[in-house]
Protein backbone atom coordinates (compact mmCIF):
# COMPACT_ATOMS: atom_id res chain seq x y z
CA MET A 1 -12.30 -69.84 -56.09
CA ALA A 2 -12.12 -73.42 -55.33
CA LYS A 3 -14.86 -74.91 -53.21
CA PRO A 4 -13.58 -75.40 -49.60
CA SER A 5 -13.40 -79.01 -48.35
CA ASN A 6 -14.86 -80.35 -45.22
CA ARG A 7 -11.41 -80.28 -43.71
CA GLU A 8 -11.00 -76.66 -44.51
CA ILE A 9 -14.37 -75.90 -42.90
CA THR A 10 -13.78 -77.64 -39.74
CA ALA A 11 -10.36 -75.93 -39.58
CA MET A 12 -12.09 -72.58 -39.72
CA LEU A 13 -14.60 -73.74 -37.08
CA ARG A 14 -11.79 -75.00 -34.85
CA GLU A 15 -9.94 -71.67 -35.09
CA LEU A 16 -13.15 -69.72 -34.15
CA ALA A 17 -13.40 -72.06 -31.18
CA GLU A 18 -9.76 -71.44 -30.19
CA LEU A 19 -10.04 -67.65 -30.51
CA THR A 20 -13.51 -67.50 -28.84
CA THR A 21 -11.97 -69.31 -25.87
CA LEU A 22 -9.53 -66.37 -25.72
CA GLU A 23 -12.21 -63.77 -26.21
CA GLU A 24 -14.56 -65.28 -23.48
CA GLU A 25 -11.67 -66.58 -21.30
CA ASN A 26 -13.57 -69.81 -20.93
CA PRO A 27 -12.88 -73.01 -22.86
CA ASN A 28 -16.34 -74.28 -21.76
CA ALA A 29 -18.20 -71.25 -22.88
CA PHE A 30 -21.44 -71.90 -24.82
CA ARG A 31 -20.15 -70.47 -28.19
CA VAL A 32 -16.95 -72.48 -27.79
CA ARG A 33 -18.80 -75.72 -27.30
CA ALA A 34 -21.05 -74.84 -30.12
CA PHE A 35 -18.12 -74.61 -32.63
CA GLU A 36 -16.77 -77.83 -31.20
CA ASN A 37 -20.09 -79.60 -31.61
CA ALA A 38 -20.44 -78.35 -35.22
CA VAL A 39 -17.00 -79.79 -36.05
CA ALA A 40 -17.91 -83.11 -34.67
CA GLY A 41 -21.23 -83.09 -36.52
CA ILE A 42 -19.44 -82.08 -39.93
CA GLU A 43 -16.75 -84.77 -39.30
CA GLY A 44 -19.50 -87.39 -39.01
CA HIS A 45 -21.69 -86.06 -41.83
CA GLY A 46 -19.66 -87.56 -44.81
CA ALA A 47 -20.92 -85.49 -47.79
CA ASP A 48 -19.48 -82.25 -49.03
CA VAL A 49 -20.74 -79.53 -46.66
CA ALA A 50 -19.91 -76.85 -49.09
CA ASP A 51 -22.64 -77.96 -51.34
CA LEU A 52 -25.46 -77.63 -48.65
CA ASP A 53 -27.79 -74.55 -48.34
CA LEU A 54 -28.57 -73.00 -45.02
CA GLU A 55 -31.50 -75.23 -44.17
CA GLU A 56 -29.56 -78.40 -45.19
CA LEU A 57 -26.79 -77.33 -43.05
CA THR A 58 -28.85 -76.97 -39.96
CA ARG A 59 -29.92 -80.47 -40.29
CA ILE A 60 -26.40 -81.68 -39.49
CA LYS A 61 -26.25 -82.56 -35.73
CA GLY A 62 -24.53 -79.77 -33.91
CA VAL A 63 -24.79 -77.09 -36.54
CA GLY A 64 -27.25 -74.22 -35.65
CA ARG A 65 -28.40 -71.46 -37.82
CA SER A 66 -25.71 -68.90 -36.81
CA ILE A 67 -23.01 -71.39 -37.45
CA ALA A 68 -24.58 -72.45 -40.84
CA GLU A 69 -24.43 -68.86 -41.82
CA LEU A 70 -20.73 -68.59 -41.01
CA ILE A 71 -20.11 -71.73 -43.10
CA ARG A 72 -22.03 -70.20 -46.11
CA GLU A 73 -20.01 -67.02 -45.68
CA PHE A 74 -16.82 -69.00 -45.88
CA VAL A 75 -17.98 -71.04 -48.86
CA GLU A 76 -19.10 -68.01 -50.82
CA THR A 77 -16.37 -65.52 -49.90
CA GLY A 78 -13.37 -67.67 -48.69
CA ARG A 79 -13.27 -65.61 -45.52
CA VAL A 80 -15.37 -65.14 -42.31
CA ALA A 81 -15.64 -61.47 -40.98
CA ARG A 82 -15.86 -62.60 -37.34
CA LEU A 83 -12.82 -64.84 -37.71
CA GLU A 84 -10.89 -61.96 -39.31
CA GLU A 85 -11.78 -59.62 -36.44
CA LEU A 86 -10.57 -62.17 -33.87
CA ARG A 87 -7.21 -62.81 -35.71
CA ALA A 88 -6.55 -59.12 -35.77
CA LYS A 89 -7.23 -58.96 -32.04
CA TYR A 90 -5.44 -62.10 -31.15
CA PRO A 91 -2.40 -62.66 -33.43
CA ARG A 92 -0.96 -66.21 -33.63
CA SER A 93 2.02 -65.14 -31.54
CA PHE A 94 -0.26 -64.13 -28.70
CA VAL A 95 -2.33 -67.27 -29.03
CA GLU A 96 0.89 -69.32 -28.58
CA LEU A 97 1.09 -67.92 -25.06
CA THR A 98 -1.77 -70.05 -23.99
CA ARG A 99 0.13 -73.13 -24.92
CA VAL A 100 2.27 -72.47 -21.74
CA PRO A 101 1.03 -74.63 -18.79
CA GLY A 102 -0.41 -72.37 -16.10
CA LEU A 103 -1.03 -69.48 -18.71
CA GLY A 104 -4.69 -69.71 -19.78
CA PRO A 105 -6.71 -67.03 -21.40
CA LYS A 106 -7.37 -64.91 -18.23
CA ARG A 107 -3.69 -64.73 -17.31
CA ALA A 108 -2.43 -64.24 -20.91
CA LYS A 109 -4.82 -61.22 -21.25
CA LEU A 110 -3.65 -59.97 -17.86
CA LEU A 111 -0.02 -60.05 -18.96
CA ARG A 112 -0.82 -58.27 -22.15
CA ARG A 113 -2.89 -55.72 -20.32
CA GLU A 114 -0.56 -54.93 -17.33
CA LEU A 115 2.95 -55.79 -18.83
CA GLY A 116 2.48 -55.63 -22.63
CA VAL A 117 3.36 -59.13 -23.17
CA GLU A 118 2.37 -60.10 -26.70
CA ASP A 119 4.46 -63.23 -27.45
CA LEU A 120 6.84 -65.89 -26.01
CA THR A 121 9.76 -63.53 -26.23
CA GLY A 122 7.91 -60.94 -24.17
CA LEU A 123 6.95 -63.61 -21.62
CA ARG A 124 10.66 -64.79 -21.28
CA LYS A 125 11.69 -61.18 -20.76
CA ALA A 126 8.91 -60.52 -18.14
CA ILE A 127 10.01 -63.74 -16.24
CA GLU A 128 13.70 -62.77 -16.52
CA GLU A 129 12.92 -59.27 -15.00
CA GLN A 130 10.74 -60.74 -12.35
CA ARG A 131 7.78 -58.61 -13.10
CA ILE A 132 5.07 -61.35 -13.34
CA ARG A 133 5.41 -61.87 -9.60
CA THR A 134 4.03 -58.40 -9.02
CA LEU A 135 0.74 -58.97 -10.62
CA PRO A 136 -2.51 -59.94 -8.51
CA GLY A 137 -3.03 -63.52 -8.26
CA MET A 138 0.41 -64.48 -9.67
CA GLY A 139 3.41 -64.44 -7.35
CA ARG A 140 6.97 -65.79 -7.51
CA THR A 141 5.90 -69.52 -7.56
CA ILE A 142 3.76 -69.14 -10.70
CA GLU A 143 6.40 -66.98 -12.29
CA GLU A 144 9.05 -69.74 -11.70
CA LYS A 145 6.68 -72.46 -12.88
CA LEU A 146 6.16 -70.55 -16.21
CA GLY A 147 9.83 -70.29 -16.74
CA ARG A 148 10.32 -74.02 -16.25
CA ALA A 149 7.49 -74.82 -18.52
CA ILE A 150 8.87 -72.86 -21.37
CA GLU A 151 12.18 -74.64 -20.95
CA ARG A 152 10.75 -78.08 -20.67
CA LEU A 153 8.37 -77.69 -23.61
CA GLY A 154 11.17 -76.21 -25.77
CA LEU A 155 8.68 -73.50 -26.99
CA GLU A 156 11.54 -71.19 -28.03
CA GLU A 157 12.80 -73.64 -30.59
CA ARG A 158 9.88 -72.64 -32.84
CA ARG A 159 8.94 -76.18 -33.65
CA VAL A 160 5.30 -77.02 -34.35
CA PRO A 161 3.30 -79.74 -32.71
CA ILE A 162 2.13 -82.42 -35.02
CA ALA A 163 -1.44 -81.89 -33.97
CA VAL A 164 -1.09 -78.42 -35.51
CA ALA A 165 1.01 -79.40 -38.63
CA LEU A 166 -0.67 -82.55 -39.82
CA PRO A 167 -4.21 -81.29 -40.31
CA LEU A 168 -2.80 -78.21 -42.20
CA ALA A 169 -0.67 -80.60 -44.46
CA GLU A 170 -3.63 -82.88 -45.14
CA ARG A 171 -5.75 -79.90 -46.04
CA LEU A 172 -3.10 -78.65 -48.41
CA VAL A 173 -2.43 -82.11 -50.01
CA GLU A 174 -6.25 -82.63 -50.33
CA ARG A 175 -6.63 -79.27 -52.33
CA ILE A 176 -3.52 -80.01 -54.57
CA SER A 177 -4.81 -83.54 -55.23
CA SER A 178 -8.14 -82.10 -56.49
CA LEU A 179 -6.31 -80.46 -59.43
CA GLY A 180 -5.77 -83.80 -61.01
CA VAL A 181 -2.17 -84.31 -60.42
CA GLU A 182 -0.62 -87.70 -60.47
CA HIS A 183 0.31 -87.81 -56.83
CA ALA A 184 0.78 -85.42 -53.81
CA ALA A 185 2.04 -86.16 -50.34
CA TYR A 186 3.64 -84.45 -47.37
CA CYS A 187 7.22 -85.52 -46.68
CA GLY A 188 9.91 -84.62 -44.19
CA SER A 189 9.60 -85.15 -40.42
CA LEU A 190 5.83 -85.09 -40.80
CA ARG A 191 5.83 -88.18 -42.96
CA ARG A 192 8.22 -89.71 -40.43
CA PHE A 193 5.51 -88.92 -37.79
CA LYS A 194 7.73 -86.98 -35.55
CA GLU A 195 5.91 -85.24 -32.76
CA THR A 196 7.08 -81.80 -33.73
CA ILE A 197 8.21 -80.53 -36.95
CA GLY A 198 10.01 -77.37 -38.34
CA ASP A 199 8.58 -76.85 -41.88
CA ILE A 200 6.12 -78.76 -43.99
CA ASP A 201 7.44 -80.30 -47.18
CA ILE A 202 4.90 -81.27 -49.85
CA THR A 203 6.05 -83.20 -53.01
CA VAL A 204 3.75 -83.25 -56.03
CA ALA A 205 4.12 -85.41 -59.11
CA ALA A 206 2.68 -83.38 -62.17
CA SER A 207 3.57 -82.67 -65.76
CA ASP A 208 2.29 -79.08 -65.50
CA PRO A 209 3.36 -77.31 -62.30
CA GLU A 210 1.57 -74.04 -62.80
CA PRO A 211 -1.96 -74.92 -61.48
CA VAL A 212 -0.21 -76.33 -58.31
CA MET A 213 1.79 -73.01 -57.78
CA SER A 214 -1.36 -70.96 -58.31
CA GLU A 215 -3.40 -73.02 -55.94
CA VAL A 216 -0.90 -72.85 -53.16
CA VAL A 217 -0.37 -69.13 -53.19
CA SER A 218 -4.21 -68.50 -53.28
CA HIS A 219 -4.97 -71.16 -50.51
CA PRO A 220 -7.09 -69.87 -47.57
CA ASP A 221 -4.28 -70.87 -45.10
CA THR A 222 -1.63 -68.77 -47.01
CA GLU A 223 -0.63 -65.63 -45.13
CA GLU A 224 2.58 -64.74 -47.00
CA VAL A 225 4.22 -65.88 -50.23
CA ILE A 226 7.90 -66.28 -49.41
CA ALA A 227 8.99 -67.33 -52.89
CA ARG A 228 7.28 -68.62 -56.12
CA GLY A 229 9.05 -70.31 -58.76
CA ASP A 230 8.38 -72.70 -61.69
CA THR A 231 8.55 -75.86 -59.66
CA LYS A 232 8.84 -74.68 -56.07
CA THR A 233 6.73 -72.38 -54.00
CA SER A 234 7.35 -71.50 -50.31
CA ILE A 235 4.50 -69.88 -48.32
CA ARG A 236 3.87 -69.03 -44.59
CA THR A 237 0.54 -69.79 -43.24
CA ARG A 238 -1.54 -68.01 -40.64
CA ASP A 239 -0.09 -70.27 -37.99
CA GLY A 240 3.41 -69.08 -38.95
CA ILE A 241 4.49 -72.38 -40.53
CA GLN A 242 6.49 -72.38 -43.57
CA VAL A 243 5.36 -74.78 -46.41
CA ASP A 244 7.46 -75.79 -49.29
CA VAL A 245 5.66 -77.28 -52.24
CA ARG A 246 7.82 -78.85 -54.99
CA VAL A 247 6.55 -80.23 -58.31
CA VAL A 248 8.47 -83.13 -59.99
CA GLU A 249 8.04 -85.14 -63.16
CA PRO A 250 5.91 -88.26 -62.50
CA ASP A 251 8.79 -90.64 -63.20
CA GLN A 252 10.90 -88.83 -60.64
CA LEU A 253 8.37 -89.27 -57.87
CA GLY A 254 9.97 -92.12 -55.97
CA ALA A 255 13.31 -90.35 -55.71
CA ALA A 256 11.76 -87.11 -54.71
CA LEU A 257 9.66 -88.81 -52.00
CA LEU A 258 12.74 -90.70 -50.70
CA TYR A 259 15.01 -87.60 -50.61
CA PHE A 260 12.47 -85.37 -48.89
CA THR A 261 11.17 -87.88 -46.34
CA GLY A 262 14.42 -89.40 -44.64
CA SER A 263 16.26 -87.65 -41.82
CA LYS A 264 19.49 -86.13 -42.92
CA SER A 265 21.64 -88.91 -41.48
CA HIS A 266 19.46 -91.62 -43.15
CA ASN A 267 19.83 -89.96 -46.47
CA VAL A 268 23.55 -89.52 -46.04
CA ALA A 269 23.81 -93.29 -45.37
CA LEU A 270 21.78 -94.14 -48.51
CA ARG A 271 23.94 -91.87 -50.62
CA GLN A 272 27.11 -93.63 -49.19
CA LEU A 273 25.71 -97.08 -50.25
CA ALA A 274 25.15 -95.57 -53.64
CA ILE A 275 28.70 -94.22 -53.96
CA GLU A 276 30.05 -97.58 -52.95
CA ARG A 277 28.48 -98.98 -56.15
CA GLY A 278 29.56 -96.11 -58.33
CA TRP A 279 26.23 -94.45 -58.43
CA LEU A 280 24.86 -91.18 -57.33
CA LEU A 281 21.51 -90.60 -55.33
CA ASN A 282 19.57 -87.35 -55.33
CA GLU A 283 16.05 -86.05 -55.50
CA TYR A 284 15.98 -86.89 -59.17
CA GLY A 285 16.86 -90.47 -59.10
CA LEU A 286 19.52 -93.26 -58.55
CA VAL A 287 21.95 -92.99 -61.54
CA GLU A 288 25.39 -94.36 -62.64
CA LYS A 289 27.94 -91.79 -62.00
CA GLU A 290 29.95 -92.17 -65.18
CA SER A 291 27.22 -92.76 -67.74
CA GLY A 292 24.35 -91.09 -66.05
CA ARG A 293 21.98 -94.09 -66.78
CA VAL A 294 19.00 -94.05 -64.58
CA ILE A 295 18.94 -97.23 -62.24
CA ALA A 296 15.79 -96.41 -60.26
CA ARG A 297 13.63 -93.36 -59.64
CA ARG A 298 9.95 -94.01 -60.16
CA THR A 299 9.18 -95.55 -56.81
CA GLU A 300 10.90 -95.79 -53.34
CA GLU A 301 10.51 -99.51 -53.40
CA GLU A 302 12.77 -100.03 -56.42
CA ILE A 303 15.47 -97.52 -55.15
CA TYR A 304 15.75 -99.42 -51.77
CA ARG A 305 15.79 -102.71 -53.72
CA ALA A 306 18.66 -101.56 -56.11
CA LEU A 307 20.61 -100.60 -53.09
CA GLY A 308 20.28 -104.12 -51.63
CA LEU A 309 17.80 -102.99 -48.87
CA GLN A 310 14.45 -104.11 -47.79
CA PHE A 311 11.75 -101.34 -48.03
CA ILE A 312 12.01 -99.14 -45.17
CA PRO A 313 8.78 -97.57 -43.95
CA PRO A 314 8.76 -93.72 -43.69
CA THR A 315 8.30 -93.85 -39.85
CA LEU A 316 11.65 -95.60 -39.42
CA ARG A 317 13.90 -93.53 -41.46
CA GLU A 318 16.06 -91.97 -38.74
CA ASN A 319 19.25 -93.85 -39.20
CA SER A 320 18.72 -95.74 -35.88
CA GLY A 321 19.62 -99.17 -36.97
CA GLU A 322 17.07 -99.55 -39.81
CA ILE A 323 19.53 -99.48 -42.75
CA GLU A 324 21.74 -102.18 -41.26
CA ALA A 325 18.73 -104.23 -40.44
CA ALA A 326 17.37 -103.81 -43.97
CA ALA A 327 20.65 -104.82 -45.40
CA ARG A 328 20.68 -108.16 -43.46
CA GLY A 329 17.10 -108.75 -44.44
CA GLU A 330 16.08 -108.57 -40.83
CA LEU A 331 14.07 -105.41 -40.70
CA PRO A 332 10.84 -106.24 -38.79
CA ARG A 333 7.45 -105.94 -40.20
CA VAL A 334 5.96 -103.24 -38.03
CA VAL A 335 2.33 -103.09 -37.10
CA GLU A 336 -0.11 -101.70 -39.68
CA LEU A 337 -3.61 -100.29 -39.39
CA GLU A 338 -4.98 -103.32 -41.13
CA ASP A 339 -3.65 -105.43 -38.17
CA MET A 340 -5.89 -103.74 -35.65
CA ARG A 341 -8.96 -105.79 -34.46
CA GLY A 342 -10.29 -103.72 -31.59
CA ASP A 343 -10.17 -100.35 -29.84
CA LEU A 344 -9.77 -100.56 -25.91
CA HIS A 345 -9.93 -96.98 -24.84
CA VAL A 346 -13.43 -95.36 -25.90
CA HIS A 347 -15.63 -92.86 -24.02
CA THR A 348 -19.23 -92.02 -24.33
CA THR A 349 -21.51 -89.32 -23.07
CA ARG A 350 -21.32 -91.15 -19.62
CA SER A 351 -18.00 -89.30 -19.38
CA GLY A 352 -18.67 -85.59 -18.93
CA ASP A 353 -16.34 -84.82 -21.78
CA GLY A 354 -17.79 -87.57 -24.11
CA ARG A 355 -19.73 -86.52 -27.05
CA SER A 356 -21.23 -89.78 -28.68
CA THR A 357 -23.62 -92.13 -27.18
CA VAL A 358 -23.01 -95.69 -26.40
CA ALA A 359 -25.13 -96.72 -29.40
CA ASP A 360 -23.20 -94.43 -31.86
CA MET A 361 -19.64 -95.58 -30.61
CA LEU A 362 -20.70 -99.21 -30.80
CA GLY A 363 -22.24 -98.72 -34.23
CA GLU A 364 -19.10 -96.92 -35.68
CA ALA A 365 -16.86 -99.66 -34.17
CA ALA A 366 -19.01 -102.31 -35.90
CA ARG A 367 -18.79 -100.38 -39.23
CA ARG A 368 -15.04 -100.32 -39.04
CA GLY A 369 -15.15 -104.13 -38.87
CA TYR A 370 -13.68 -104.41 -35.35
CA SER A 371 -13.98 -107.72 -33.53
CA TYR A 372 -14.14 -106.13 -30.07
CA VAL A 373 -14.22 -102.81 -28.28
CA ALA A 374 -14.02 -101.57 -24.71
CA ILE A 375 -16.14 -98.79 -23.30
CA THR A 376 -13.94 -97.09 -20.77
CA ASP A 377 -15.75 -93.87 -19.35
CA HIS A 378 -14.12 -92.15 -16.38
CA GLY A 379 -14.14 -93.37 -12.76
CA GLU A 380 -15.40 -91.50 -9.81
CA ASN A 381 -12.27 -89.63 -8.82
CA LEU A 382 -12.13 -87.51 -11.95
CA ALA A 383 -14.62 -84.94 -10.32
CA ILE A 384 -16.00 -83.22 -13.39
CA ASN A 385 -16.25 -86.22 -15.78
CA GLY A 386 -16.42 -89.35 -13.34
CA SER A 387 -19.26 -91.63 -12.56
CA THR A 388 -20.43 -93.11 -9.19
CA ARG A 389 -20.86 -96.71 -8.41
CA ASP A 390 -24.63 -96.63 -9.06
CA GLN A 391 -24.02 -94.71 -12.20
CA MET A 392 -21.49 -97.25 -13.40
CA ARG A 393 -23.95 -100.16 -12.64
CA GLN A 394 -26.72 -98.43 -14.73
CA HIS A 395 -24.08 -97.64 -17.44
CA ARG A 396 -23.23 -101.33 -17.67
CA LEU A 397 -26.86 -102.23 -18.19
CA GLU A 398 -27.15 -99.68 -21.02
CA VAL A 399 -24.02 -100.93 -22.66
CA GLU A 400 -25.02 -104.54 -22.38
CA GLU A 401 -28.46 -103.67 -23.94
CA GLU A 402 -26.85 -101.76 -26.86
CA ALA A 403 -24.20 -104.47 -27.35
CA SER A 404 -26.97 -107.00 -28.07
CA ARG A 405 -27.73 -105.14 -31.28
CA PHE A 406 -24.16 -105.95 -32.60
CA PRO A 407 -23.81 -109.69 -32.31
CA ARG A 408 -20.43 -109.85 -34.21
CA LEU A 409 -18.89 -107.17 -31.95
CA ARG A 410 -17.44 -108.28 -28.52
CA VAL A 411 -18.19 -105.37 -26.12
CA LEU A 412 -16.08 -105.17 -23.00
CA PHE A 413 -17.49 -103.09 -20.13
CA GLY A 414 -14.57 -101.08 -18.68
CA ALA A 415 -13.34 -97.83 -17.13
CA GLU A 416 -10.50 -95.33 -17.27
CA LEU A 417 -9.39 -95.26 -13.68
CA ASN A 418 -7.72 -92.17 -12.31
CA ILE A 419 -4.26 -92.89 -10.69
CA GLY A 420 -4.21 -90.93 -7.48
CA GLU A 421 -1.20 -89.05 -5.92
CA ASP A 422 -0.37 -92.19 -3.99
CA GLY A 423 -1.28 -94.67 -6.78
CA SER A 424 -4.65 -95.34 -5.45
CA LEU A 425 -7.58 -96.04 -7.92
CA ASP A 426 -11.23 -95.28 -8.38
CA TYR A 427 -13.65 -97.49 -6.35
CA ASP A 428 -12.60 -100.32 -4.13
CA PRO A 429 -10.98 -103.46 -5.40
CA GLU A 430 -14.08 -105.73 -5.12
CA PHE A 431 -16.27 -103.31 -7.06
CA ARG A 432 -13.61 -103.05 -9.78
CA ALA A 433 -13.21 -106.85 -9.98
CA GLU A 434 -17.00 -107.53 -10.15
CA THR A 435 -17.95 -104.61 -12.51
CA PHE A 436 -15.24 -104.15 -15.11
CA GLN A 437 -13.76 -106.47 -17.57
CA TRP A 438 -11.07 -103.94 -18.75
CA CYS A 439 -9.55 -101.22 -16.84
CA VAL A 440 -7.03 -98.60 -18.27
CA ALA A 441 -5.52 -96.56 -15.52
CA SER A 442 -4.07 -93.10 -16.15
CA VAL A 443 -2.58 -90.12 -14.59
CA HIS A 444 -4.78 -87.03 -14.68
CA SER A 445 -3.38 -84.82 -11.88
CA HIS A 446 -0.36 -83.98 -9.74
CA PHE A 447 2.03 -83.50 -12.64
CA ASP A 448 4.79 -81.70 -10.67
CA LEU A 449 5.54 -84.57 -8.11
CA PRO A 450 9.36 -85.49 -8.04
CA GLN A 451 10.52 -88.43 -10.37
CA ALA A 452 10.62 -90.94 -7.35
CA ARG A 453 6.95 -90.30 -6.29
CA GLN A 454 5.67 -90.37 -9.85
CA THR A 455 7.31 -93.64 -10.62
CA GLU A 456 5.99 -95.19 -7.32
CA ARG A 457 2.43 -94.12 -8.03
CA LEU A 458 2.59 -95.84 -11.33
CA LEU A 459 4.13 -98.94 -9.91
CA THR A 460 1.45 -99.09 -7.35
CA ALA A 461 -1.28 -98.91 -10.05
CA ILE A 462 0.49 -101.51 -12.30
CA ALA A 463 0.76 -104.03 -9.43
CA ASP A 464 -3.14 -103.86 -8.89
CA PRO A 465 -4.67 -106.95 -10.49
CA THR A 466 -7.68 -105.17 -11.80
CA VAL A 467 -5.56 -102.90 -14.02
CA SER A 468 -5.39 -104.15 -17.60
CA ALA A 469 -3.29 -101.29 -19.10
CA ILE A 470 -1.62 -97.99 -18.27
CA GLY A 471 -3.07 -95.26 -20.33
CA HIS A 472 -1.19 -92.16 -21.83
CA LEU A 473 1.92 -93.00 -19.74
CA THR A 474 3.38 -89.61 -19.20
CA GLY A 475 0.18 -87.44 -19.34
CA ARG A 476 1.76 -85.00 -21.72
CA TYR A 477 0.17 -82.75 -24.28
CA ILE A 478 2.72 -82.15 -27.11
CA GLY A 479 3.80 -78.52 -27.09
CA ARG A 480 1.43 -77.61 -24.26
CA ARG A 481 2.18 -79.88 -21.21
CA PRO A 482 5.39 -81.78 -20.49
CA GLY A 483 4.87 -85.36 -19.29
CA ILE A 484 5.62 -86.48 -15.76
CA GLU A 485 9.08 -87.52 -15.09
CA ILE A 486 9.39 -91.21 -14.26
CA ASP A 487 12.00 -93.95 -14.12
CA VAL A 488 11.07 -95.45 -17.48
CA ASP A 489 13.09 -98.57 -17.04
CA ALA A 490 11.43 -99.47 -13.64
CA VAL A 491 8.01 -98.83 -15.08
CA LEU A 492 8.58 -101.02 -18.10
CA ASP A 493 9.99 -103.83 -16.02
CA ALA A 494 6.96 -103.70 -13.90
CA LEU A 495 4.57 -103.76 -16.89
CA ARG A 496 6.35 -106.74 -18.30
CA ASP A 497 6.43 -108.61 -14.91
CA THR A 498 2.87 -108.19 -14.27
CA GLY A 499 1.58 -108.71 -17.78
CA THR A 500 0.05 -105.20 -17.90
CA ALA A 501 -0.03 -103.52 -21.22
CA LEU A 502 1.37 -100.16 -22.09
CA GLU A 503 -0.92 -97.92 -23.97
CA VAL A 504 0.05 -96.09 -27.16
CA ASN A 505 -2.52 -93.29 -27.20
CA GLY A 506 -3.48 -92.17 -30.59
CA ALA A 507 -4.74 -88.67 -29.57
CA LEU A 508 -2.54 -86.55 -31.92
CA ASP A 509 -1.78 -83.98 -29.24
CA ARG A 510 -0.65 -86.89 -26.87
CA LEU A 511 0.99 -89.76 -28.78
CA ASP A 512 1.80 -91.25 -25.39
CA ALA A 513 3.70 -93.35 -24.56
CA PRO A 514 6.31 -91.58 -26.81
CA SER A 515 7.87 -93.50 -29.62
CA GLU A 516 11.28 -93.79 -27.95
CA VAL A 517 9.52 -95.35 -24.88
CA VAL A 518 7.66 -97.65 -27.18
CA ARG A 519 10.87 -98.87 -28.68
CA ARG A 520 12.27 -99.55 -25.25
CA ALA A 521 9.16 -101.41 -24.30
CA VAL A 522 9.38 -103.57 -27.40
CA ALA A 523 12.96 -104.48 -26.56
CA ARG A 524 11.89 -105.49 -23.06
CA GLY A 525 9.02 -107.69 -24.20
CA VAL A 526 6.22 -105.39 -22.89
CA ASP A 527 2.71 -105.88 -24.23
CA LEU A 528 1.28 -102.83 -26.00
CA VAL A 529 -2.30 -101.77 -26.81
CA ILE A 530 -2.92 -99.17 -29.39
CA SER A 531 -6.04 -97.11 -28.48
CA THR A 532 -7.82 -94.07 -29.54
CA ASP A 533 -9.04 -92.57 -26.33
CA ALA A 534 -12.00 -91.38 -28.50
CA HIS A 535 -14.51 -89.05 -27.08
CA HIS A 536 -16.56 -88.94 -30.30
CA THR A 537 -17.15 -91.34 -33.20
CA SER A 538 -15.00 -89.30 -35.44
CA GLU A 539 -12.03 -89.76 -33.12
CA LEU A 540 -11.86 -93.47 -33.79
CA ASP A 541 -9.85 -92.26 -36.69
CA ARG A 542 -7.08 -91.77 -34.17
CA MET A 543 -6.09 -95.40 -34.48
CA ARG A 544 -4.02 -94.57 -37.48
CA PHE A 545 -1.96 -92.08 -35.50
CA GLY A 546 -1.34 -94.60 -32.76
CA VAL A 547 -0.29 -97.06 -35.27
CA LEU A 548 2.22 -94.62 -36.81
CA ASN A 549 3.61 -93.79 -33.42
CA ALA A 550 3.92 -97.47 -32.54
CA GLN A 551 5.86 -97.94 -35.94
CA ARG A 552 8.34 -95.34 -34.86
CA GLY A 553 8.90 -97.60 -31.80
CA TRP A 554 9.48 -100.51 -34.13
CA ALA A 555 6.31 -102.26 -32.65
CA THR A 556 5.49 -105.54 -34.30
CA PRO A 557 2.00 -106.93 -34.50
CA ASP A 558 2.76 -109.80 -32.09
CA ARG A 559 3.60 -107.17 -29.40
CA VAL A 560 0.25 -105.41 -29.79
CA VAL A 561 -2.53 -107.28 -27.93
CA ASN A 562 -5.39 -105.77 -29.90
CA THR A 563 -4.16 -107.13 -33.18
CA ARG A 564 -5.14 -110.59 -31.85
CA PRO A 565 -8.21 -112.39 -32.70
CA TRP A 566 -10.81 -112.49 -30.16
CA ASP A 567 -10.06 -116.03 -28.72
CA GLU A 568 -6.36 -115.16 -28.37
CA PHE A 569 -6.99 -111.71 -26.87
CA SER A 570 -9.61 -112.85 -24.43
CA ALA A 571 -7.25 -115.61 -23.32
CA TRP A 572 -4.47 -113.11 -22.75
CA LEU A 573 -6.90 -111.06 -20.60
CA GLY A 574 -7.99 -114.12 -18.72
CA LEU A 575 -11.78 -113.88 -19.59
């Protein structure tokens, strides 16, 4: 049995946290937070956790003895008895119920106990039969809201949020790569970084496919083997996701990656270009139709070049104008992770939900080579996690003291302001102006207001001179909470006219603003800021997700304010 990776260990702990939340009906229960703290500690540890004994595990921040014992059980046996018990009690189809807004653990278990609801199909039937309104504490209003939420989130389409699919795909690719194959990568809509996916496609370049097939069917995430062949195996995971793994010869890798990444219409357009030249394009290569001579197949770049196109990044392969632009040589260079010079939405333990200290956050930002960073803890109006004026004044002193230890890192003292129902913000204007250098204003409540009122509250916040950026524009959680409904054009026009930046939030379950809104913002000349909304040092990794989402919106480096050197950025900000 292969040694589990850190990714696989943290995935096991995350699932325990999720199922324990259901068991105890409380996302803030002690045991739930213990699992979450252990995940954060392992992510920041670096070394292979599977190589550590019990005593060494307990030296990792956040890992107590009981969790260390669970980790050793997983390393030694490939399973955890407690997790198996919870999986049997709460199948994935039941866990999915808690993704529906308004249906937390208590209500989900109430529906199961009183109405026999076990999955989304059962929930829909109970709504249609108007049985939920008869339960204590529910009523007609909640029943109707649940019905609208299922419809708005598209939960019955069986698409998987990227926050679920991507970690799974990365674990599988990591395990396959450890076999010594030449290359392994996830493809399909996941490589294009779509916010939801159907199945996961993994393409592997290897001369001997058998070790790959054997590893896939025996992987800890595998629940069912749908089909196993010499070069392709399909499995279903414990999350109910189908994964197709294909092995190709190393010299066919480029053609396979191209074929299994592009959208259907993108690939059709490429094949048409090949036909016009008397060629054929498929997953094995670009070849002459008559002679079968191979023109290109080893890399994607050489195939695009042979077709007379600039290289098209995977995130753009949707047949939405990228092929025409590439043919003219006018495809823009979209922003890359290497372009980013700072992170402007970072929380610390000053926010009630922050899990890393100011010192740790600044140290990690410096380690990543950033030129600047903004500490943006929650304002006073977010009751559970916010800070009073006095607390913010004291916090600023702490931030300034810690910042002195990092002379090459410019540290902005800021806040994430809560946008109220009427567009009002935390604190008074004078306090904001004298205390904060960077303010990101975000919606955290009142998600059901009519479109006109949602738009007006955003326009009011944008007009405030102390607001530097609008954070996670729609407030959505992909697959769990639909975003607020707004007049996008009116909001984008206001952002452009006031010089306020639109945040591209890199949290994988947000990716907000959505890529289609980002593209409209780019076309309008709106400034963007790509930020992580990190609450722990490990979450600074979210920058790569924000960049990929910005790429899908055709964002170029010049449109993203935190790609600029400090002198240019500070001039833009007016410091």
